[in-house]
């Protein structure tokens, strides 16, 4: 029974021998001048697998990190920091490299940064979105708004146009409106046959009205030709 416990103690000692304490510092700048402004923040490896708090002086320590490759982030509610790649081996101190989010981990960058780690805030998060102001020109730039304005203008101008129309043209317009009303009422009532017959009748009348002037012109040309022949 003593041998398994002894073996576990040996393995734990080996693991502690390989593990490292990752140390670093948040350097204050104009964007984040103090720990009071920084607020609640912590240093994190691989999004919380290993974490360490940040002191008033900006120092942080992530204890007992085993051998491997990690991404170091400063988790803060109000400030954004660069991410770093940390490579821990049993042969030397941790190697610190810059990391751009979205890029592959391998091959690693050839640029090495100094250790212990030094990070500074890059920008402050702005959660306030100013309300949009009323813009009359922008409203009329909308095509739907232009269409609505055009329809409104036509509705207002329609009575004046009707008053100035020729009586014959006005009667023709009224007849067309009456026909369209009968067709719509037929379809709305469900009488599709009557609606189709009304459409066909309107089409025949339109064809007849278009052909009548042509025939009159032909008759006039024939009469003129006969007169010329007699002369």
Foldseek 3Di string as FASTA:
>chain_A
DVVVVVVVVVVVVVLQLQFDKQKAFEDADPQRHWCVSQDFKWKDWAVNPWIWGADRRRITITGGHHADKTKIAIDTDWFGKFIWIWGGGSPDHIWIGGDDPPDDPPPPDPDTDDPPYYIYTDHTDDPDDDDDDDDPVVQCVDPVNVVVVVVVVCVVCVVVVLVPDDPVVNVVVVVVVVLVVVLVVCVVVPNVVVNVVSVVVVVVVVVVVVVVVVVVVVVVVVVVVVVVVVD
